Full PDB file with SEQRES, HELIX, SHEET, SSBOND, CRYST1, ORIGX, SCALE, CONECT and MASTER records, all heavy atoms in Angstrom:
SEQRES   1 A   36  LYS ILE LYS LEU ASN THR GLU THR MET GLY LYS GLU ASN          
SEQRES   2 A   36  ASP TRP TYR LEU GLU ILE PRO CYS ILE LEU LEU LYS ALA          
SEQRES   3 A   36  PRO ILE ALA GLU GLY THR THR LYS GLU VAL                      
HELIX    1 AA1 THR A    6  THR A    8  5                                   3    
HELIX    2 AA2 PRO A   20  ILE A   22  5                                   3    
SHEET    1 AA1 2 TYR A  16  ILE A  19  0                                        
SHEET    2 AA1 2 LEU A  24  PRO A  27 -1                                        
CRYST1    1.000    1.000    1.000  90.00  90.00  90.00 P 1           1          
ORIGX1      1.000000  0.000000  0.000000        0.00000                         
ORIGX2      0.000000  1.000000  0.000000        0.00000                         
ORIGX3      0.000000  0.000000  1.000000        0.00000                         
SCALE1      1.000000  0.000000  0.000000        0.00000                         
SCALE2      0.000000  1.000000  0.000000        0.00000                         
SCALE3      0.000000  0.000000  1.000000        0.00000                         
ATOM      1  N   LYS A   1    -144.678   8.299 -87.974  1.00  0.00           N  
ATOM      2  CA  LYS A   1    -144.763   9.218 -86.842  1.00  0.00           C  
ATOM      3  C   LYS A   1    -145.278   8.531 -85.677  1.00  0.00           C  
ATOM      4  O   LYS A   1    -146.181   7.817 -85.538  1.00  0.00           O  
ATOM      5  CB  LYS A   1    -145.755  10.325 -87.155  1.00  0.00           C  
ATOM      6  CG  LYS A   1    -145.315  11.208 -88.312  1.00  0.00           C  
ATOM      7  CD  LYS A   1    -146.212  12.349 -88.492  1.00  0.00           C  
ATOM      8  CE  LYS A   1    -145.669  13.285 -89.662  1.00  0.00           C  
ATOM      9  NZ  LYS A   1    -146.704  14.350 -89.975  1.00  0.00           N  
ATOM     10  N   ILE A   2    -144.519   8.798 -84.505  1.00  0.00           N  
ATOM     11  CA  ILE A   2    -144.719   8.015 -83.308  1.00  0.00           C  
ATOM     12  C   ILE A   2    -145.077   9.255 -82.283  1.00  0.00           C  
ATOM     13  O   ILE A   2    -144.199  10.117 -82.117  1.00  0.00           O  
ATOM     14  CB  ILE A   2    -143.513   7.204 -82.850  1.00  0.00           C  
ATOM     15  CG1 ILE A   2    -143.255   6.253 -83.877  1.00  0.00           C  
ATOM     16  CG2 ILE A   2    -143.832   6.490 -81.543  1.00  0.00           C  
ATOM     17  CD1 ILE A   2    -142.028   5.505 -83.751  1.00  0.00           C  
ATOM     18  N   LYS A   3    -146.043   9.089 -81.555  1.00  0.00           N  
ATOM     19  CA  LYS A   3    -146.387  10.171 -80.549  1.00  0.00           C  
ATOM     20  C   LYS A   3    -146.297   9.717 -79.162  1.00  0.00           C  
ATOM     21  O   LYS A   3    -146.764   8.630 -78.736  1.00  0.00           O  
ATOM     22  CB  LYS A   3    -147.850  10.677 -80.850  1.00  0.00           C  
ATOM     23  CG  LYS A   3    -148.084  11.247 -82.290  1.00  0.00           C  
ATOM     24  CD  LYS A   3    -149.540  11.633 -82.388  1.00  0.00           C  
ATOM     25  CE  LYS A   3    -149.713  12.199 -83.799  1.00  0.00           C  
ATOM     26  NZ  LYS A   3    -151.190  12.417 -84.060  1.00  0.00           N  
ATOM     27  N   LEU A   4    -145.550  10.587 -78.300  1.00  0.00           N  
ATOM     28  CA  LEU A   4    -145.449  10.305 -76.906  1.00  0.00           C  
ATOM     29  C   LEU A   4    -145.182  11.682 -76.298  1.00  0.00           C  
ATOM     30  O   LEU A   4    -144.240  12.309 -76.763  1.00  0.00           O  
ATOM     31  CB  LEU A   4    -144.345   9.342 -76.716  1.00  0.00           C  
ATOM     32  CG  LEU A   4    -144.238   9.143 -75.161  1.00  0.00           C  
ATOM     33  CD1 LEU A   4    -145.225   8.177 -74.522  1.00  0.00           C  
ATOM     34  CD2 LEU A   4    -142.785   8.475 -74.826  1.00  0.00           C  
ATOM     35  N   ASN A   5    -145.928  11.875 -75.341  1.00  0.00           N  
ATOM     36  CA  ASN A   5    -145.673  13.158 -74.659  1.00  0.00           C  
ATOM     37  C   ASN A   5    -144.810  12.682 -73.310  1.00  0.00           C  
ATOM     38  O   ASN A   5    -145.371  12.217 -72.325  1.00  0.00           O  
ATOM     39  CB  ASN A   5    -147.001  13.833 -74.136  1.00  0.00           C  
ATOM     40  CG  ASN A   5    -146.735  15.029 -73.373  1.00  0.00           C  
ATOM     41  OD1 ASN A   5    -145.679  15.335 -73.018  1.00  0.00           O  
ATOM     42  ND2 ASN A   5    -147.861  15.756 -73.046  1.00  0.00           N  
ATOM     43  N   THR A   6    -143.578  12.940 -73.351  1.00  0.00           N  
ATOM     44  CA  THR A   6    -142.689  12.400 -72.350  1.00  0.00           C  
ATOM     45  C   THR A   6    -142.904  13.234 -71.077  1.00  0.00           C  
ATOM     46  O   THR A   6    -142.470  12.778 -70.009  1.00  0.00           O  
ATOM     47  CB  THR A   6    -141.159  12.582 -72.776  1.00  0.00           C  
ATOM     48  OG1 THR A   6    -140.960  13.972 -73.169  1.00  0.00           O  
ATOM     49  CG2 THR A   6    -140.883  11.614 -73.883  1.00  0.00           C  
ATOM     50  N   GLU A   7    -143.493  14.526 -71.154  1.00  0.00           N  
ATOM     51  CA  GLU A   7    -143.750  15.240 -69.886  1.00  0.00           C  
ATOM     52  C   GLU A   7    -144.829  14.495 -69.092  1.00  0.00           C  
ATOM     53  O   GLU A   7    -144.833  14.589 -67.783  1.00  0.00           O  
ATOM     54  CB  GLU A   7    -144.234  16.514 -70.277  1.00  0.00           C  
ATOM     55  CG  GLU A   7    -143.428  17.435 -70.958  1.00  0.00           C  
ATOM     56  CD  GLU A   7    -143.862  18.809 -71.425  1.00  0.00           C  
ATOM     57  OE1 GLU A   7    -145.155  18.978 -71.173  1.00  0.00           O  
ATOM     58  OE2 GLU A   7    -143.026  19.510 -71.916  1.00  0.00           O  
ATOM     59  N   THR A   8    -145.635  13.674 -69.634  1.00  0.00           N  
ATOM     60  CA  THR A   8    -146.653  12.925 -68.862  1.00  0.00           C  
ATOM     61  C   THR A   8    -146.251  11.442 -68.612  1.00  0.00           C  
ATOM     62  O   THR A   8    -147.019  10.740 -68.014  1.00  0.00           O  
ATOM     63  CB  THR A   8    -147.997  12.859 -69.570  1.00  0.00           C  
ATOM     64  OG1 THR A   8    -147.861  12.050 -70.794  1.00  0.00           O  
ATOM     65  CG2 THR A   8    -148.514  14.210 -69.892  1.00  0.00           C  
ATOM     66  N   MET A   9    -145.110  11.120 -68.909  1.00  0.00           N  
ATOM     67  CA  MET A   9    -144.586   9.677 -68.612  1.00  0.00           C  
ATOM     68  C   MET A   9    -144.625   9.387 -67.200  1.00  0.00           C  
ATOM     69  O   MET A   9    -144.170  10.130 -66.391  1.00  0.00           O  
ATOM     70  CB  MET A   9    -143.210   9.505 -69.254  1.00  0.00           C  
ATOM     71  CG  MET A   9    -142.877   8.024 -69.268  1.00  0.00           C  
ATOM     72  SD  MET A   9    -141.308   7.642 -70.153  1.00  0.00           S  
ATOM     73  CE  MET A   9    -140.234   7.886 -68.882  1.00  0.00           C  
ATOM     74  N   GLY A  10    -145.299   8.369 -66.831  1.00  0.00           N  
ATOM     75  CA  GLY A  10    -145.504   8.028 -65.468  1.00  0.00           C  
ATOM     76  C   GLY A  10    -146.874   8.222 -64.934  1.00  0.00           C  
ATOM     77  O   GLY A  10    -147.186   7.861 -63.817  1.00  0.00           O  
ATOM     78  N   LYS A  11    -147.577   8.942 -65.687  1.00  0.00           N  
ATOM     79  CA  LYS A  11    -149.011   9.326 -65.299  1.00  0.00           C  
ATOM     80  C   LYS A  11    -149.993   8.220 -65.976  1.00  0.00           C  
ATOM     81  O   LYS A  11    -149.546   7.450 -66.778  1.00  0.00           O  
ATOM     82  CB  LYS A  11    -149.362  10.650 -65.680  1.00  0.00           C  
ATOM     83  CG  LYS A  11    -148.677  11.740 -64.988  1.00  0.00           C  
ATOM     84  CD  LYS A  11    -149.007  13.158 -65.293  1.00  0.00           C  
ATOM     85  CE  LYS A  11    -148.188  14.173 -64.499  1.00  0.00           C  
ATOM     86  NZ  LYS A  11    -148.564  15.580 -64.922  1.00  0.00           N  
ATOM     87  N   GLU A  12    -151.223   8.338 -65.655  1.00  0.00           N  
ATOM     88  CA  GLU A  12    -152.248   7.368 -66.150  1.00  0.00           C  
ATOM     89  C   GLU A  12    -152.107   7.249 -67.611  1.00  0.00           C  
ATOM     90  O   GLU A  12    -151.924   8.269 -68.332  1.00  0.00           O  
ATOM     91  CB  GLU A  12    -153.608   7.857 -65.628  1.00  0.00           C  
ATOM     92  CG  GLU A  12    -154.584   6.800 -65.857  1.00  0.00           C  
ATOM     93  CD  GLU A  12    -155.864   7.155 -65.081  1.00  0.00           C  
ATOM     94  OE1 GLU A  12    -155.875   7.017 -63.906  1.00  0.00           O  
ATOM     95  OE2 GLU A  12    -156.774   7.346 -65.810  1.00  0.00           O  
ATOM     96  N   ASN A  13    -152.415   6.125 -68.181  1.00  0.00           N  
ATOM     97  CA  ASN A  13    -152.602   5.753 -69.653  1.00  0.00           C  
ATOM     98  C   ASN A  13    -151.142   5.812 -70.475  1.00  0.00           C  
ATOM     99  O   ASN A  13    -151.185   5.998 -71.575  1.00  0.00           O  
ATOM    100  CB  ASN A  13    -153.572   6.694 -70.252  1.00  0.00           C  
ATOM    101  CG  ASN A  13    -154.912   6.411 -69.715  1.00  0.00           C  
ATOM    102  OD1 ASN A  13    -155.225   5.432 -69.373  1.00  0.00           O  
ATOM    103  ND2 ASN A  13    -155.649   7.492 -69.542  1.00  0.00           N  
ATOM    104  N   ASP A  14    -150.123   5.788 -69.734  1.00  0.00           N  
ATOM    105  CA  ASP A  14    -148.821   5.623 -70.478  1.00  0.00           C  
ATOM    106  C   ASP A  14    -148.253   4.214 -70.457  1.00  0.00           C  
ATOM    107  O   ASP A  14    -148.682   3.362 -69.599  1.00  0.00           O  
ATOM    108  CB  ASP A  14    -147.785   6.570 -69.767  1.00  0.00           C  
ATOM    109  CG  ASP A  14    -148.076   8.028 -70.059  1.00  0.00           C  
ATOM    110  OD1 ASP A  14    -148.633   8.346 -71.109  1.00  0.00           O  
ATOM    111  OD2 ASP A  14    -147.704   8.897 -69.269  1.00  0.00           O  
ATOM    112  N   TRP A  15    -147.427   4.092 -71.270  1.00  0.00           N  
ATOM    113  CA  TRP A  15    -146.717   2.683 -71.501  1.00  0.00           C  
ATOM    114  C   TRP A  15    -145.307   2.853 -71.371  1.00  0.00           C  
ATOM    115  O   TRP A  15    -144.581   3.345 -72.224  1.00  0.00           O  
ATOM    116  CB  TRP A  15    -147.164   2.195 -72.853  1.00  0.00           C  
ATOM    117  CG  TRP A  15    -147.048   0.780 -73.127  1.00  0.00           C  
ATOM    118  CD1 TRP A  15    -146.740  -0.269 -72.257  1.00  0.00           C  
ATOM    119  CD2 TRP A  15    -147.222   0.096 -74.396  1.00  0.00           C  
ATOM    120  NE1 TRP A  15    -146.773  -1.453 -72.894  1.00  0.00           N  
ATOM    121  CE2 TRP A  15    -146.912  -1.256 -74.267  1.00  0.00           C  
ATOM    122  CE3 TRP A  15    -147.409   0.569 -75.693  1.00  0.00           C  
ATOM    123  CZ2 TRP A  15    -146.994  -2.117 -75.215  1.00  0.00           C  
ATOM    124  CZ3 TRP A  15    -147.402  -0.324 -76.819  1.00  0.00           C  
ATOM    125  CH2 TRP A  15    -147.239  -1.610 -76.575  1.00  0.00           C  
ATOM    126  N   TYR A  16    -144.639   2.267 -70.290  1.00  0.00           N  
ATOM    127  CA  TYR A  16    -143.249   2.304 -70.096  1.00  0.00           C  
ATOM    128  C   TYR A  16    -142.708   1.387 -69.160  1.00  0.00           C  
ATOM    129  O   TYR A  16    -143.542   0.528 -68.460  1.00  0.00           O  
ATOM    130  CB  TYR A  16    -142.973   3.789 -69.609  1.00  0.00           C  
ATOM    131  CG  TYR A  16    -143.268   4.222 -68.237  1.00  0.00           C  
ATOM    132  CD1 TYR A  16    -142.571   4.226 -67.113  1.00  0.00           C  
ATOM    133  CD2 TYR A  16    -144.610   4.615 -67.998  1.00  0.00           C  
ATOM    134  CE1 TYR A  16    -142.870   4.476 -65.880  1.00  0.00           C  
ATOM    135  CE2 TYR A  16    -145.059   5.058 -66.759  1.00  0.00           C  
ATOM    136  CZ  TYR A  16    -144.169   5.043 -65.685  1.00  0.00           C  
ATOM    137  OH  TYR A  16    -144.665   5.382 -64.388  1.00  0.00           O  
ATOM    138  N   LEU A  17    -141.400   1.182 -69.040  1.00  0.00           N  
ATOM    139  CA  LEU A  17    -140.726   0.264 -68.324  1.00  0.00           C  
ATOM    140  C   LEU A  17    -139.799   1.017 -67.389  1.00  0.00           C  
ATOM    141  O   LEU A  17    -139.115   2.007 -67.736  1.00  0.00           O  
ATOM    142  CB  LEU A  17    -139.893  -0.618 -69.240  1.00  0.00           C  
ATOM    143  CG  LEU A  17    -139.237  -1.883 -68.657  1.00  0.00           C  
ATOM    144  CD1 LEU A  17    -140.266  -2.958 -68.259  1.00  0.00           C  
ATOM    145  CD2 LEU A  17    -138.214  -2.436 -69.683  1.00  0.00           C  
ATOM    146  N   GLU A  18    -139.666   0.412 -66.149  1.00  0.00           N  
ATOM    147  CA  GLU A  18    -138.684   0.914 -65.163  1.00  0.00           C  
ATOM    148  C   GLU A  18    -137.977  -0.182 -64.468  1.00  0.00           C  
ATOM    149  O   GLU A  18    -138.558  -1.104 -64.031  1.00  0.00           O  
ATOM    150  CB  GLU A  18    -139.542   1.794 -64.109  1.00  0.00           C  
ATOM    151  CG  GLU A  18    -138.631   2.565 -63.110  1.00  0.00           C  
ATOM    152  CD  GLU A  18    -139.521   3.463 -62.225  1.00  0.00           C  
ATOM    153  OE1 GLU A  18    -140.737   3.496 -62.293  1.00  0.00           O  
ATOM    154  OE2 GLU A  18    -138.874   4.236 -61.489  1.00  0.00           O  
ATOM    155  N   ILE A  19    -136.657  -0.027 -64.561  1.00  0.00           N  
ATOM    156  CA  ILE A  19    -135.745  -1.009 -63.918  1.00  0.00           C  
ATOM    157  C   ILE A  19    -134.769  -0.300 -62.935  1.00  0.00           C  
ATOM    158  O   ILE A  19    -133.754   0.267 -63.365  1.00  0.00           O  
ATOM    159  CB  ILE A  19    -134.962  -1.835 -64.883  1.00  0.00           C  
ATOM    160  CG1 ILE A  19    -135.896  -2.437 -65.974  1.00  0.00           C  
ATOM    161  CG2 ILE A  19    -134.150  -2.969 -64.182  1.00  0.00           C  
ATOM    162  CD1 ILE A  19    -135.165  -3.219 -67.071  1.00  0.00           C  
ATOM    163  N   PRO A  20    -135.149  -0.111 -61.640  1.00  0.00           N  
ATOM    164  CA  PRO A  20    -134.422   0.710 -60.711  1.00  0.00           C  
ATOM    165  C   PRO A  20    -132.946   0.419 -60.664  1.00  0.00           C  
ATOM    166  O   PRO A  20    -131.998   1.377 -60.648  1.00  0.00           O  
ATOM    167  CB  PRO A  20    -135.135   0.573 -59.401  1.00  0.00           C  
ATOM    168  CG  PRO A  20    -136.493   0.088 -59.774  1.00  0.00           C  
ATOM    169  CD  PRO A  20    -136.359  -0.691 -61.014  1.00  0.00           C  
ATOM    170  N   CYS A  21    -132.566  -0.910 -60.583  1.00  0.00           N  
ATOM    171  CA  CYS A  21    -131.177  -1.271 -60.382  1.00  0.00           C  
ATOM    172  C   CYS A  21    -130.222  -0.820 -61.507  1.00  0.00           C  
ATOM    173  O   CYS A  21    -129.039  -0.752 -61.245  1.00  0.00           O  
ATOM    174  CB  CYS A  21    -131.050  -2.717 -60.030  1.00  0.00           C  
ATOM    175  SG  CYS A  21    -131.471  -3.820 -61.433  1.00  0.00           S  
ATOM    176  N   ILE A  22    -130.742  -0.541 -62.648  1.00  0.00           N  
ATOM    177  CA  ILE A  22    -129.897  -0.100 -63.761  1.00  0.00           C  
ATOM    178  C   ILE A  22    -130.358   1.328 -64.207  1.00  0.00           C  
ATOM    179  O   ILE A  22    -129.974   1.824 -65.207  1.00  0.00           O  
ATOM    180  CB  ILE A  22    -129.801  -0.978 -65.050  1.00  0.00           C  
ATOM    181  CG1 ILE A  22    -131.177  -1.221 -65.620  1.00  0.00           C  
ATOM    182  CG2 ILE A  22    -129.232  -2.262 -64.616  1.00  0.00           C  
ATOM    183  CD1 ILE A  22    -131.303  -1.975 -66.926  1.00  0.00           C  
ATOM    184  N   LEU A  23    -131.040   2.030 -63.307  1.00  0.00           N  
ATOM    185  CA  LEU A  23    -131.472   3.430 -63.569  1.00  0.00           C  
ATOM    186  C   LEU A  23    -132.237   3.621 -64.894  1.00  0.00           C  
ATOM    187  O   LEU A  23    -131.963   4.589 -65.590  1.00  0.00           O  
ATOM    188  CB  LEU A  23    -130.393   4.398 -63.420  1.00  0.00           C  
ATOM    189  CG  LEU A  23    -129.538   4.220 -62.041  1.00  0.00           C  
ATOM    190  CD1 LEU A  23    -128.330   5.208 -62.083  1.00  0.00           C  
ATOM    191  CD2 LEU A  23    -130.437   4.550 -60.947  1.00  0.00           C  
ATOM    192  N   LEU A  24    -133.085   2.760 -65.141  1.00  0.00           N  
ATOM    193  CA  LEU A  24    -133.812   2.754 -66.530  1.00  0.00           C  
ATOM    194  C   LEU A  24    -135.321   3.130 -66.293  1.00  0.00           C  
ATOM    195  O   LEU A  24    -135.935   2.464 -65.514  1.00  0.00           O  
ATOM    196  CB  LEU A  24    -133.691   1.452 -67.347  1.00  0.00           C  
ATOM    197  CG  LEU A  24    -134.663   1.446 -68.635  1.00  0.00           C  
ATOM    198  CD1 LEU A  24    -133.948   2.274 -69.640  1.00  0.00           C  
ATOM    199  CD2 LEU A  24    -134.728  -0.041 -69.083  1.00  0.00           C  
ATOM    200  N   LYS A  25    -135.679   4.069 -66.971  1.00  0.00           N  
ATOM    201  CA  LYS A  25    -137.104   4.425 -67.012  1.00  0.00           C  
ATOM    202  C   LYS A  25    -137.308   4.923 -68.499  1.00  0.00           C  
ATOM    203  O   LYS A  25    -136.792   6.031 -69.022  1.00  0.00           O  
ATOM    204  CB  LYS A  25    -137.553   5.590 -66.133  1.00  0.00           C  
ATOM    205  CG  LYS A  25    -139.007   5.913 -66.034  1.00  0.00           C  
ATOM    206  CD  LYS A  25    -139.294   6.851 -65.003  1.00  0.00           C  
ATOM    207  CE  LYS A  25    -140.887   7.132 -64.863  1.00  0.00           C  
ATOM    208  NZ  LYS A  25    -141.188   8.104 -63.800  1.00  0.00           N  
ATOM    209  N   ALA A  26    -138.097   4.204 -69.313  1.00  0.00           N  
ATOM    210  CA  ALA A  26    -138.108   4.617 -70.741  1.00  0.00           C  
ATOM    211  C   ALA A  26    -139.482   4.083 -71.293  1.00  0.00           C  
ATOM    212  O   ALA A  26    -140.194   3.189 -70.910  1.00  0.00           O  
ATOM    213  CB  ALA A  26    -137.170   3.709 -71.485  1.00  0.00           C  
ATOM    214  N   PRO A  27    -139.978   4.831 -72.303  1.00  0.00           N  
ATOM    215  CA  PRO A  27    -141.254   4.660 -72.910  1.00  0.00           C  
ATOM    216  C   PRO A  27    -141.237   3.569 -73.843  1.00  0.00           C  
ATOM    217  O   PRO A  27    -140.219   3.118 -74.310  1.00  0.00           O  
ATOM    218  CB  PRO A  27    -141.558   5.952 -73.703  1.00  0.00           C  
ATOM    219  CG  PRO A  27    -140.198   6.475 -74.049  1.00  0.00           C  
ATOM    220  CD  PRO A  27    -139.259   6.129 -72.934  1.00  0.00           C  
ATOM    221  N   ILE A  28    -142.508   2.898 -74.058  1.00  0.00           N  
ATOM    222  CA  ILE A  28    -142.713   1.751 -74.894  1.00  0.00           C  
ATOM    223  C   ILE A  28    -143.572   2.179 -75.932  1.00  0.00           C  
ATOM    224  O   ILE A  28    -144.537   2.929 -75.785  1.00  0.00           O  
ATOM    225  CB  ILE A  28    -143.217   0.492 -74.111  1.00  0.00           C  
ATOM    226  CG1 ILE A  28    -142.328   0.070 -72.962  1.00  0.00           C  
ATOM    227  CG2 ILE A  28    -143.524  -0.635 -75.106  1.00  0.00           C  
ATOM    228  CD1 ILE A  28    -142.892  -0.856 -72.020  1.00  0.00           C  
ATOM    229  N   ALA A  29    -143.403   1.699 -77.174  1.00  0.00           N  
ATOM    230  CA  ALA A  29    -144.197   1.903 -78.404  1.00  0.00           C  
ATOM    231  C   ALA A  29    -144.411   0.518 -79.088  1.00  0.00           C  
ATOM    232  O   ALA A  29    -143.577  -0.397 -79.084  1.00  0.00           O  
ATOM    233  CB  ALA A  29    -143.738   2.953 -79.331  1.00  0.00           C  
ATOM    234  N   GLU A  30    -145.405   0.511 -79.887  1.00  0.00           N  
ATOM    235  CA  GLU A  30    -145.790  -0.786 -80.584  1.00  0.00           C  
ATOM    236  C   GLU A  30    -144.804  -0.964 -81.678  1.00  0.00           C  
ATOM    237  O   GLU A  30    -144.494  -0.042 -82.410  1.00  0.00           O  
ATOM    238  CB  GLU A  30    -147.229  -0.717 -81.212  1.00  0.00           C  
ATOM    239  CG  GLU A  30    -147.711  -2.038 -81.620  1.00  0.00           C  
ATOM    240  CD  GLU A  30    -147.865  -3.122 -80.600  1.00  0.00           C  
ATOM    241  OE1 GLU A  30    -148.531  -2.851 -79.517  1.00  0.00           O  
ATOM    242  OE2 GLU A  30    -147.193  -4.207 -80.867  1.00  0.00           O  
ATOM    243  N   GLY A  31    -144.364  -2.152 -81.886  1.00  0.00           N  
ATOM    244  CA  GLY A  31    -143.482  -2.582 -82.966  1.00  0.00           C  
ATOM    245  C   GLY A  31    -142.052  -2.614 -82.586  1.00  0.00           C  
ATOM    246  O   GLY A  31    -141.537  -2.065 -81.611  1.00  0.00           O  
ATOM    247  N   THR A  32    -141.176  -3.272 -83.521  1.00  0.00           N  
ATOM    248  CA  THR A  32    -139.754  -3.415 -83.266  1.00  0.00           C  
ATOM    249  C   THR A  32    -138.865  -2.976 -84.544  1.00  0.00           C  
ATOM    250  O   THR A  32    -137.853  -3.503 -84.682  1.00  0.00           O  
ATOM    251  CB  THR A  32    -139.406  -4.897 -82.873  1.00  0.00           C  
ATOM    252  OG1 THR A  32    -139.902  -5.835 -83.815  1.00  0.00           O  
ATOM    253  CG2 THR A  32    -139.940  -5.168 -81.537  1.00  0.00           C  
ATOM    254  N   THR A  33    -139.447  -2.061 -85.306  1.00  0.00           N  
ATOM    255  CA  THR A  33    -138.686  -1.583 -86.418  1.00  0.00           C  
ATOM    256  C   THR A  33    -137.617  -0.712 -85.901  1.00  0.00           C  
ATOM    257  O   THR A  33    -137.558  -0.235 -84.759  1.00  0.00           O  
ATOM    258  CB  THR A  33    -139.578  -0.791 -87.316  1.00  0.00           C  
ATOM    259  OG1 THR A  33    -140.094   0.380 -86.672  1.00  0.00           O  
ATOM    260  CG2 THR A  33    -140.764  -1.637 -87.926  1.00  0.00           C  
ATOM    261  N   LYS A  34    -136.607  -0.468 -86.772  1.00  0.00           N  
ATOM    262  CA  LYS A  34    -135.550   0.461 -86.313  1.00  0.00           C  
ATOM    263  C   LYS A  34    -136.077   1.767 -85.919  1.00  0.00           C  
ATOM    264  O   LYS A  34    -135.648   2.449 -85.000  1.00  0.00           O  
ATOM    265  CB  LYS A  34    -134.532   0.578 -87.456  1.00  0.00           C  
ATOM    266  CG  LYS A  34    -133.368   1.542 -87.208  1.00  0.00           C  
ATOM    267  CD  LYS A  34    -132.499   1.675 -88.288  1.00  0.00           C  
ATOM    268  CE  LYS A  34    -131.331   2.746 -88.008  1.00  0.00           C  
ATOM    269  NZ  LYS A  34    -131.771   4.004 -87.529  1.00  0.00           N  
ATOM    270  N   GLU A  35    -137.157   2.283 -86.705  1.00  0.00           N  
ATOM    271  CA  GLU A  35    -137.591   3.682 -86.479  1.00  0.00           C  
ATOM    272  C   GLU A  35    -138.266   3.749 -85.076  1.00  0.00           C  
ATOM    273  O   GLU A  35    -138.044   4.685 -84.409  1.00  0.00           O  
ATOM    274  CB  GLU A  35    -138.697   3.954 -87.506  1.00  0.00           C  
ATOM    275  CG  GLU A  35    -138.069   4.206 -88.847  1.00  0.00           C  
ATOM    276  CD  GLU A  35    -137.768   2.987 -89.667  1.00  0.00           C  
ATOM    277  OE1 GLU A  35    -138.253   1.929 -89.371  1.00  0.00           O  
ATOM    278  OE2 GLU A  35    -136.921   3.061 -90.577  1.00  0.00           O  
ATOM    279  N   VAL A  36    -139.012   2.661 -84.653  1.00  0.00           N  
ATOM    280  CA  VAL A  36    -139.578   2.572 -83.334  1.00  0.00           C  
ATOM    281  C   VAL A  36    -138.416   2.576 -82.354  1.00  0.00           C  
ATOM    282  O   VAL A  36    -138.435   3.364 -81.251  1.00  0.00           O  
ATOM    283  CB  VAL A  36    -140.611   1.377 -83.150  1.00  0.00           C  
ATOM    284  CG1 VAL A  36    -140.954   1.241 -81.668  1.00  0.00           C  
ATOM    285  CG2 VAL A  36    -141.752   1.687 -84.029  1.00  0.00           C  
TER     286      VAL A  36                                                      
MASTER        0    0    0    2    2    0    0    6  285    1    0    3          
END                                                                             
């Protein structure tokens, strides 16, 4: 089970990546398993 409140993405204490030139804004989670 992976928890992330996408409504708060971009506010304090979140972990995410933003790349403006390719219109990417996405959350990050620990691990590189397929499920993650």
